[in-house]
Amino acid sequence: MRWQVDSQRDSVGRGDGVALLHSGLSLRHMRMIVALDDHGRVSAAAQVMNISQPAASRMIAEMEAILDVTLCERLPRGIAMTPYGKALARRARIILIEMREADREIAELKAGKGGSVFLGAVTAPAIELAVPAIREIRRLYPRIEITMQVETSNVLARELIAMRHDFIIARVPDDLNPRLFESRVIGIEKACLIVRRGHPLMVNRTVRLEETAGYDWVFQSGSSPLRQVMEANFLNRNITLPERIFNTSSLLLTLVMVAQSDAIAPVSVQVAKFIQGPEGLGGAIDVVPTDFDIEVRPYSLITMKQRVLSPAAKMLYDFILREVS
């Protein structure tokens, strides 16, 4: 028996591409390594797996014995993944998402046009494209369950890589390799400035950018395209950047800050139209008439390369393309 174990380890070490198929690694092992990578603690991974911490430790030891490598290093607080652990976790995510897709596809075949879709979008196309497409799909196929996250492109792209979204409507962040994605440009986001009803700037005339610098501003994080465009507008006109800034990625908190103070916030035109419409805030927020345009770089429909969309996800993807046209 000892000879068989050593022989197996030698085969794993050679990387012949076959050994792992017969190594004894299971889907539970795959879930465990992903949970470790996500949470950085054995106790948290055990909770995700719904097992005790000693059982989780034994499972890690099993994987390390099978692979004959150390997958994680114990630290005073938590664990650190080794390069072997990170490699296995990356591949395990792909295996688990494929199993999830298989489960979804089988369920859809059983139930007809059912299934679930996980979508991420930045704010403007979420309102203008995703919501109308979702309404139409819900009308035609009420069994489809759709989950949408509205966030910045940086967050959404990483969620897509981590297999938590089927596709996103966003921009590929500058710090990620664009070759990871299939990307199709579908629109340019136009933005405007909003203030509360009765703001000192709203005196029935066009507002110059230099007049806004002395007010409080509500921005998304420094890496957001809309903030970068606004700061470029200031710099290109040799205007000092605003000094009093509140940072938040929450649209709700942005609206609260604007409605309850003299703060100014850049938002997409689609958001402003909704706020001012009869279904929005009833005119409590005004759009500032400016002598300059705010255009953010184009957003795209983005999927991961070599990842096949489920039938339900492909249907929503196509409905969104229909909204574009």
Protein backbone atom coordinates (compact mmCIF):
# COMPACT_ATOMS: atom_id res chain seq x y z
CA MET A 1 0.00 0.00 0.00
CA ARG A 2 2.87 2.39 0.80
CA TRP A 3 4.31 1.74 -2.64
CA GLN A 4 0.94 2.61 -4.21
CA VAL A 5 0.75 5.95 -2.36
CA ASP A 6 4.29 6.89 -3.37
CA SER A 7 3.63 5.81 -6.93
CA GLN A 8 0.53 7.98 -7.03
CA ARG A 9 2.45 10.96 -5.67
CA ASP A 10 5.19 10.46 -8.24
CA SER A 11 2.53 10.45 -10.95
CA VAL A 12 0.97 13.65 -9.58
CA GLY A 13 4.36 15.30 -9.42
CA ARG A 14 5.08 14.50 -13.07
CA GLY A 15 2.06 16.58 -14.12
CA ASP A 16 1.08 14.07 -16.81
CA GLY A 17 -2.46 15.49 -16.89
CA VAL A 18 -4.11 12.20 -15.87
CA ALA A 19 -3.14 11.57 -12.25
CA LEU A 20 -5.58 14.03 -10.67
CA LEU A 21 -8.50 12.34 -12.40
CA HIS A 22 -7.79 9.24 -10.31
CA SER A 23 -6.38 10.92 -7.22
CA GLY A 24 -9.45 10.87 -4.99
CA LEU A 25 -10.05 14.62 -5.03
CA SER A 26 -13.80 15.25 -4.74
CA LEU A 27 -16.21 18.13 -5.25
CA ARG A 28 -16.17 18.63 -1.48
CA HIS A 29 -12.42 19.16 -1.74
CA MET A 30 -13.04 21.68 -4.52
CA ARG A 31 -15.55 23.57 -2.39
CA MET A 32 -13.15 23.57 0.55
CA ILE A 33 -10.18 25.02 -1.35
CA VAL A 34 -12.39 27.77 -2.82
CA ALA A 35 -13.82 28.57 0.63
CA LEU A 36 -10.27 28.81 2.03
CA ASP A 37 -9.23 31.11 -0.79
CA ASP A 38 -12.31 33.31 -0.31
CA HIS A 39 -12.22 33.64 3.48
CA GLY A 40 -8.60 33.09 4.54
CA ARG A 41 -9.60 31.17 7.69
CA VAL A 42 -10.16 27.49 8.34
CA SER A 43 -13.01 28.30 10.74
CA ALA A 44 -14.81 30.41 8.11
CA ALA A 45 -14.30 27.73 5.44
CA ALA A 46 -15.70 25.12 7.85
CA GLN A 47 -18.77 27.29 8.41
CA VAL A 48 -19.31 27.62 4.65
CA MET A 49 -19.01 23.83 4.31
CA ASN A 50 -21.27 23.29 7.34
CA ILE A 51 -18.71 21.07 9.06
CA SER A 52 -16.62 21.36 12.22
CA GLN A 53 -13.21 23.02 12.18
CA PRO A 54 -11.38 19.73 12.96
CA ALA A 55 -13.21 18.11 10.03
CA ALA A 56 -12.12 20.99 7.81
CA SER A 57 -8.52 20.56 8.94
CA ARG A 58 -8.70 16.85 8.14
CA MET A 59 -10.06 17.63 4.67
CA ILE A 60 -7.16 20.03 4.01
CA ALA A 61 -4.73 17.35 5.16
CA GLU A 62 -6.39 14.85 2.79
CA MET A 63 -5.90 17.19 -0.17
CA GLU A 64 -2.29 17.87 0.76
CA ALA A 65 -1.60 14.15 1.10
CA ILE A 66 -3.16 13.41 -2.28
CA LEU A 67 -1.23 16.18 -4.04
CA ASP A 68 1.93 15.93 -1.92
CA VAL A 69 2.12 19.72 -1.63
CA THR A 70 1.27 22.31 1.01
CA LEU A 71 -1.89 24.19 0.04
CA CYS A 72 -1.97 26.78 2.81
CA GLU A 73 0.29 28.09 5.55
CA ARG A 74 -1.03 28.61 9.10
CA LEU A 75 -0.62 32.18 10.36
CA PRO A 76 -1.29 33.65 13.82
CA ARG A 77 -4.59 34.90 12.41
CA GLY A 78 -5.94 32.82 9.55
CA ILE A 79 -4.07 31.16 6.71
CA ALA A 80 -2.16 32.17 3.58
CA MET A 81 -2.61 30.24 0.35
CA THR A 82 0.55 28.83 -1.19
CA PRO A 83 1.07 29.01 -4.97
CA TYR A 84 -0.17 25.39 -5.10
CA GLY A 85 -3.28 26.31 -3.16
CA LYS A 86 -4.00 29.31 -5.36
CA ALA A 87 -3.58 27.23 -8.51
CA LEU A 88 -5.95 24.56 -7.22
CA ALA A 89 -8.49 27.16 -6.05
CA ARG A 90 -8.47 28.85 -9.46
CA ARG A 91 -9.19 25.57 -11.24
CA ALA A 92 -11.69 24.49 -8.58
CA ARG A 93 -13.79 27.61 -9.24
CA ILE A 94 -14.07 26.61 -12.89
CA ILE A 95 -15.08 23.06 -11.95
CA LEU A 96 -17.73 24.27 -9.50
CA ILE A 97 -19.22 26.80 -11.91
CA GLU A 98 -19.45 24.13 -14.60
CA MET A 99 -21.24 21.83 -12.16
CA ARG A 100 -23.59 24.67 -11.26
CA GLU A 101 -24.26 25.28 -14.95
CA ALA A 102 -24.93 21.58 -15.49
CA ASP A 103 -27.39 21.60 -12.61
CA ARG A 104 -29.09 24.72 -13.94
CA GLU A 105 -29.29 23.39 -17.47
CA ILE A 106 -30.80 20.08 -16.36
CA ALA A 107 -33.32 21.92 -14.19
CA GLU A 108 -34.24 24.17 -17.11
CA LEU A 109 -34.76 21.15 -19.34
CA LYS A 110 -37.04 19.61 -16.72
CA ALA A 111 -39.10 22.74 -16.09
CA GLY A 112 -39.18 24.34 -19.51
CA LYS A 113 -37.89 27.90 -19.77
CA GLY A 114 -36.69 28.15 -16.20
CA GLY A 115 -33.36 28.57 -14.52
CA SER A 116 -31.47 31.47 -12.98
CA VAL A 117 -29.26 34.29 -14.21
CA PHE A 118 -26.66 36.29 -12.31
CA LEU A 119 -25.99 39.69 -13.87
CA GLY A 120 -23.87 42.69 -12.88
CA ALA A 121 -24.20 46.20 -14.31
CA VAL A 122 -23.04 49.76 -13.77
CA THR A 123 -25.88 52.15 -13.04
CA ALA A 124 -26.73 53.71 -16.41
CA PRO A 125 -27.16 50.53 -18.49
CA ALA A 126 -28.78 48.81 -15.50
CA ILE A 127 -31.61 51.35 -15.73
CA GLU A 128 -31.67 51.87 -19.49
CA LEU A 129 -31.02 48.33 -20.78
CA ALA A 130 -31.08 45.62 -18.11
CA VAL A 131 -34.33 46.57 -16.35
CA PRO A 132 -36.46 46.71 -19.56
CA ALA A 133 -34.96 43.39 -20.74
CA ILE A 134 -35.63 41.79 -17.35
CA ARG A 135 -39.23 43.03 -17.37
CA GLU A 136 -39.80 41.46 -20.78
CA ILE A 137 -38.22 38.14 -19.81
CA ARG A 138 -40.22 38.04 -16.58
CA ARG A 139 -43.39 38.57 -18.62
CA LEU A 140 -42.58 35.80 -21.09
CA TYR A 141 -40.77 33.35 -18.80
CA PRO A 142 -41.85 33.93 -15.17
CA ARG A 143 -39.94 30.87 -13.94
CA ILE A 144 -36.56 32.43 -14.65
CA GLU A 145 -34.96 33.83 -11.49
CA ILE A 146 -32.74 36.86 -12.14
CA THR A 147 -30.26 38.39 -9.69
CA MET A 148 -28.61 41.72 -10.59
CA GLN A 149 -25.81 43.52 -8.75
CA VAL A 150 -25.31 47.24 -9.49
CA GLU A 151 -21.73 48.24 -8.72
CA THR A 152 -18.60 49.80 -10.19
CA SER A 153 -16.79 48.12 -13.08
CA ASN A 154 -13.84 47.20 -10.84
CA VAL A 155 -16.08 45.22 -8.49
CA LEU A 156 -18.17 43.64 -11.25
CA ALA A 157 -15.20 42.45 -13.32
CA ARG A 158 -13.72 40.68 -10.33
CA GLU A 159 -17.08 39.12 -9.50
CA LEU A 160 -17.24 37.86 -13.09
CA ILE A 161 -13.75 36.33 -12.82
CA ALA A 162 -14.78 34.69 -9.53
CA MET A 163 -17.71 33.02 -11.34
CA ARG A 164 -20.36 34.92 -9.39
CA HIS A 165 -21.90 36.49 -12.52
CA ASP A 166 -22.87 35.04 -15.87
CA PHE A 167 -22.07 38.33 -17.61
CA ILE A 168 -21.79 42.02 -16.80
CA ILE A 169 -22.52 45.37 -18.40
CA ALA A 170 -19.49 47.42 -17.46
CA ARG A 171 -16.00 48.42 -18.54
CA VAL A 172 -12.90 46.24 -18.36
CA PRO A 173 -10.74 47.79 -15.60
CA ASP A 174 -7.32 49.03 -16.65
CA ASP A 175 -5.56 46.76 -14.15
CA LEU A 176 -7.07 43.53 -15.56
CA ASN A 177 -5.95 41.64 -18.66
CA PRO A 178 -8.54 42.34 -21.39
CA ARG A 179 -7.71 38.97 -22.97
CA LEU A 180 -9.62 37.31 -20.15
CA PHE A 181 -12.90 38.65 -21.51
CA GLU A 182 -15.19 38.69 -24.51
CA SER A 183 -16.35 42.30 -24.74
CA ARG A 184 -18.93 43.98 -26.98
CA VAL A 185 -19.33 47.78 -26.80
CA ILE A 186 -23.02 48.70 -26.54
CA GLY A 187 -23.18 52.33 -25.39
CA ILE A 188 -21.62 55.53 -24.10
CA GLU A 189 -22.68 56.82 -20.71
CA LYS A 190 -23.65 60.49 -20.56
CA ALA A 191 -23.69 62.14 -17.16
CA CYS A 192 -24.89 65.35 -15.52
CA LEU A 193 -24.66 67.16 -12.20
CA ILE A 194 -27.50 67.02 -9.69
CA VAL A 195 -28.32 69.24 -6.70
CA ARG A 196 -31.26 69.66 -4.34
CA ARG A 197 -34.30 71.70 -5.24
CA GLY A 198 -33.55 75.35 -4.31
CA HIS A 199 -29.75 75.01 -4.53
CA PRO A 200 -27.87 78.36 -4.79
CA LEU A 201 -26.55 77.37 -8.24
CA MET A 202 -30.07 77.04 -9.67
CA VAL A 203 -30.72 80.63 -10.76
CA ASN A 204 -32.03 80.00 -14.30
CA ARG A 205 -28.69 80.29 -16.07
CA THR A 206 -25.94 78.05 -17.35
CA VAL A 207 -23.46 77.15 -14.62
CA ARG A 208 -19.72 77.31 -15.27
CA LEU A 209 -17.55 74.56 -13.83
CA GLU A 210 -15.44 76.97 -11.75
CA GLU A 211 -18.59 77.98 -9.84
CA THR A 212 -18.99 74.45 -8.50
CA ALA A 213 -15.53 73.97 -6.99
CA GLY A 214 -16.37 75.63 -3.66
CA TYR A 215 -19.24 73.26 -2.85
CA ASP A 216 -19.23 69.80 -1.29
CA TRP A 217 -19.09 66.99 -3.87
CA VAL A 218 -20.27 63.39 -3.68
CA PHE A 219 -18.10 61.07 -5.76
CA GLN A 220 -17.60 57.37 -6.33
CA SER A 221 -14.14 56.00 -5.57
CA GLY A 222 -11.08 57.49 -7.25
CA SER A 223 -10.91 54.70 -9.83
CA SER A 224 -14.46 55.14 -11.14
CA PRO A 225 -14.66 56.37 -14.76
CA LEU A 226 -17.22 59.06 -13.92
CA ARG A 227 -15.01 60.56 -11.22
CA GLN A 228 -11.99 60.45 -13.53
CA VAL A 229 -13.94 62.28 -16.24
CA MET A 230 -15.09 64.97 -13.80
CA GLU A 231 -11.58 65.50 -12.43
CA ALA A 232 -10.26 65.73 -15.99
CA ASN A 233 -12.83 68.47 -16.68
CA PHE A 234 -11.43 70.49 -13.79
CA LEU A 235 -7.79 69.91 -14.71
CA ASN A 236 -8.27 70.62 -18.43
CA ARG A 237 -9.73 74.03 -17.53
CA ASN A 238 -7.01 74.78 -14.95
CA ILE A 239 -9.61 74.84 -12.18
CA THR A 240 -8.67 73.70 -8.69
CA LEU A 241 -10.21 70.36 -7.82
CA PRO A 242 -12.94 70.39 -5.16
CA GLU A 243 -11.50 69.95 -1.67
CA ARG A 244 -14.62 68.86 0.22
CA ILE A 245 -15.41 65.38 -1.08
CA PHE A 246 -17.57 62.56 0.27
CA ASN A 247 -16.84 59.16 -1.30
CA THR A 248 -19.48 56.47 -1.68
CA SER A 249 -20.47 53.82 -4.22
CA SER A 250 -24.08 53.89 -2.96
CA LEU A 251 -26.55 55.71 -5.22
CA LEU A 252 -29.05 55.89 -2.36
CA LEU A 253 -26.53 57.57 -0.06
CA THR A 254 -25.54 59.92 -2.87
CA LEU A 255 -29.17 61.04 -3.27
CA VAL A 256 -29.57 61.50 0.49
CA MET A 257 -26.44 63.66 0.69
CA VAL A 258 -27.56 65.79 -2.25
CA ALA A 259 -31.15 66.16 -1.03
CA GLN A 260 -30.13 67.20 2.48
CA SER A 261 -27.24 69.58 1.75
CA ASP A 262 -25.75 71.86 -0.92
CA ALA A 263 -23.58 69.01 -2.21
CA ILE A 264 -23.16 68.36 -5.94
CA ALA A 265 -22.98 64.87 -7.44
CA PRO A 266 -22.30 63.61 -10.96
CA VAL A 267 -24.69 60.83 -11.99
CA SER A 268 -25.69 59.22 -15.26
CA VAL A 269 -28.36 60.99 -17.30
CA GLN A 270 -30.53 57.86 -16.99
CA VAL A 271 -30.45 58.12 -13.20
CA ALA A 272 -31.30 61.83 -13.31
CA LYS A 273 -34.23 61.21 -15.64
CA PHE A 274 -35.61 58.52 -13.35
CA ILE A 275 -35.24 60.74 -10.28
CA GLN A 276 -37.07 63.61 -11.94
CA GLY A 277 -39.78 61.41 -13.45
CA PRO A 278 -43.18 60.70 -11.89
CA GLU A 279 -41.90 57.32 -10.62
CA GLY A 280 -38.80 58.87 -9.02
CA LEU A 281 -38.39 61.51 -6.31
CA GLY A 282 -40.99 63.87 -7.71
CA GLY A 283 -38.60 66.68 -8.60
CA ALA A 284 -36.82 66.97 -5.23
CA ILE A 285 -33.54 66.83 -7.20
CA ASP A 286 -32.59 69.24 -10.01
CA VAL A 287 -30.17 68.80 -12.91
CA VAL A 288 -27.62 71.61 -13.12
CA PRO A 289 -27.54 73.31 -16.56
CA THR A 290 -23.81 73.37 -17.45
CA ASP A 291 -21.67 74.78 -20.23
CA PHE A 292 -19.77 71.50 -20.60
CA ASP A 293 -20.59 67.86 -21.44
CA ILE A 294 -19.80 64.84 -19.29
CA GLU A 295 -19.19 61.67 -21.30
CA VAL A 296 -17.77 58.51 -19.75
CA ARG A 297 -15.93 55.94 -21.85
CA PRO A 298 -18.13 53.27 -23.47
CA TYR A 299 -19.54 50.34 -21.54
CA SER A 300 -19.78 46.79 -22.90
CA LEU A 301 -21.50 43.47 -22.55
CA ILE A 302 -18.73 41.34 -21.02
CA THR A 303 -18.39 37.59 -20.58
CA MET A 304 -15.45 35.38 -19.68
CA LYS A 305 -13.66 33.77 -22.58
CA GLN A 306 -14.40 30.06 -23.05
CA ARG A 307 -17.30 30.20 -20.59
CA VAL A 308 -20.59 29.12 -22.16
CA LEU A 309 -23.72 30.95 -21.02
CA SER A 310 -26.62 28.88 -19.77
CA PRO A 311 -29.80 29.03 -21.90
CA ALA A 312 -31.44 31.47 -19.45
CA ALA A 313 -28.37 33.71 -19.30
CA LYS A 314 -28.01 33.67 -23.09
CA MET A 315 -31.66 34.67 -23.38
CA LEU A 316 -31.19 37.72 -21.12
CA TYR A 317 -27.96 38.60 -22.94
CA ASP A 318 -29.85 38.58 -26.27
CA PHE A 319 -32.75 40.60 -24.84
CA ILE A 320 -30.30 43.28 -23.70
CA LEU A 321 -28.76 43.39 -27.18
CA ARG A 322 -32.28 43.87 -28.53
CA GLU A 323 -32.75 46.86 -26.21
CA VAL A 324 -29.54 48.37 -27.59
CA SER A 325 -30.78 48.12 -31.17
